[in-house]
Amino acid sequence: MKYVVIPVRGGRWVWELRDAEGDAVCGSTGNFPTRDAALQAIHAVRSLTQKAKIFDPLGNVLEVGAPDSAAPNTPNATPS
């Protein structure tokens, strides 16, 4: 995997995260006024996503390797 910083129209910059084949896996949702600003955004994504949990659209925490039939963890559910 590698990050690629790309110049776009108007002197702006975007970034993409690419897999081993060079295909974009994800990228910046906006563009940046300078190359350095794009690099700062990459560093922020790197540091913040290491601790990010994974959720489904209903707010249930998803764990890698957990069976689909497992009871979801619903932290937002109200007790009955």
Protein backbone atom coordinates (compact mmCIF):
# COMPACT_ATOMS: atom_id res chain seq x y z
CA MET A 1 0.00 0.00 0.00
CA LYS A 2 1.14 3.51 -0.67
CA TYR A 3 -0.15 7.06 -0.55
CA VAL A 4 0.11 9.12 -3.72
CA VAL A 5 -0.17 12.93 -3.71
CA ILE A 6 -1.65 14.21 -7.00
CA PRO A 7 -1.81 17.74 -8.42
CA VAL A 8 -5.22 18.74 -9.81
CA ARG A 9 -6.67 21.83 -11.51
CA GLY A 10 -6.01 25.23 -10.11
CA GLY A 11 -2.82 24.26 -8.31
CA ARG A 12 -4.73 22.16 -5.76
CA TRP A 13 -3.77 18.71 -4.49
CA VAL A 14 -5.52 15.43 -3.56
CA TRP A 15 -4.26 12.14 -2.18
CA GLU A 16 -5.06 8.49 -2.82
CA LEU A 17 -4.22 5.31 -0.95
CA ARG A 18 -3.32 2.66 -3.54
CA ASP A 19 -2.96 -1.11 -3.26
CA ALA A 20 -0.01 -3.17 -4.51
CA GLU A 21 -1.46 -3.16 -8.05
CA GLY A 22 -1.73 0.64 -8.05
CA ASP A 23 -5.53 0.75 -7.78
CA ALA A 24 -7.02 3.48 -5.59
CA VAL A 25 -8.53 2.05 -2.40
CA CYS A 26 -9.58 5.40 -0.94
CA GLY A 27 -8.73 9.05 -1.23
CA SER A 28 -9.24 12.53 0.06
CA THR A 29 -12.81 13.76 -0.16
CA GLY A 30 -11.68 17.28 -0.89
CA ASN A 31 -8.63 18.97 -2.29
CA PHE A 32 -5.90 20.98 -0.63
CA PRO A 33 -4.34 24.34 -1.49
CA THR A 34 -0.77 23.04 -1.23
CA ARG A 35 1.14 19.79 -1.46
CA ASP A 36 2.19 20.21 2.17
CA ALA A 37 -1.46 20.51 3.23
CA ALA A 38 -2.23 17.22 1.45
CA LEU A 39 0.75 15.60 3.22
CA GLN A 40 -0.50 16.88 6.58
CA ALA A 41 -3.91 15.34 5.85
CA ILE A 42 -2.28 11.98 5.08
CA HIS A 43 -0.40 12.07 8.38
CA ALA A 44 -3.62 12.93 10.23
CA VAL A 45 -5.47 10.02 8.60
CA ARG A 46 -2.62 7.64 9.43
CA SER A 47 -2.55 8.60 13.11
CA LEU A 48 -6.32 8.84 13.67
CA THR A 49 -7.42 5.67 11.89
CA GLN A 50 -5.16 3.33 13.85
CA LYS A 51 -7.60 3.47 16.75
CA ALA A 52 -10.86 3.80 14.78
CA LYS A 53 -13.50 1.17 15.42
CA ILE A 54 -15.70 -0.28 12.68
CA PHE A 55 -19.50 0.18 12.81
CA ASP A 56 -22.44 -0.90 10.68
CA PRO A 57 -25.09 1.68 9.68
CA LEU A 58 -27.11 0.92 12.84
CA GLY A 59 -24.21 1.72 15.17
CA ASN A 60 -23.24 -1.86 15.99
CA VAL A 61 -19.52 -2.43 16.49
CA LEU A 62 -18.15 -4.96 14.01
CA GLU A 63 -15.14 -7.14 14.78
CA VAL A 64 -12.94 -8.96 12.28
CA GLY A 65 -13.57 -12.69 12.35
CA ALA A 66 -16.82 -12.46 14.32
CA PRO A 67 -19.55 -14.76 12.99
CA ASP A 68 -22.48 -13.04 11.29
CA SER A 69 -24.89 -14.71 13.72
CA ALA A 70 -23.20 -13.20 16.78
CA ALA A 71 -25.33 -10.83 18.81
CA PRO A 72 -24.50 -7.27 17.79
CA ASN A 73 -22.93 -4.90 20.26
CA THR A 74 -25.44 -2.08 20.46
CA PRO A 75 -23.92 0.67 22.58
CA ASN A 76 -26.76 3.05 21.69
CA ALA A 77 -29.56 0.68 22.69
CA THR A 78 -31.78 1.66 25.59
CA PRO A 79 -32.44 -0.89 28.34
CA SER A 80 -35.89 -2.47 28.44
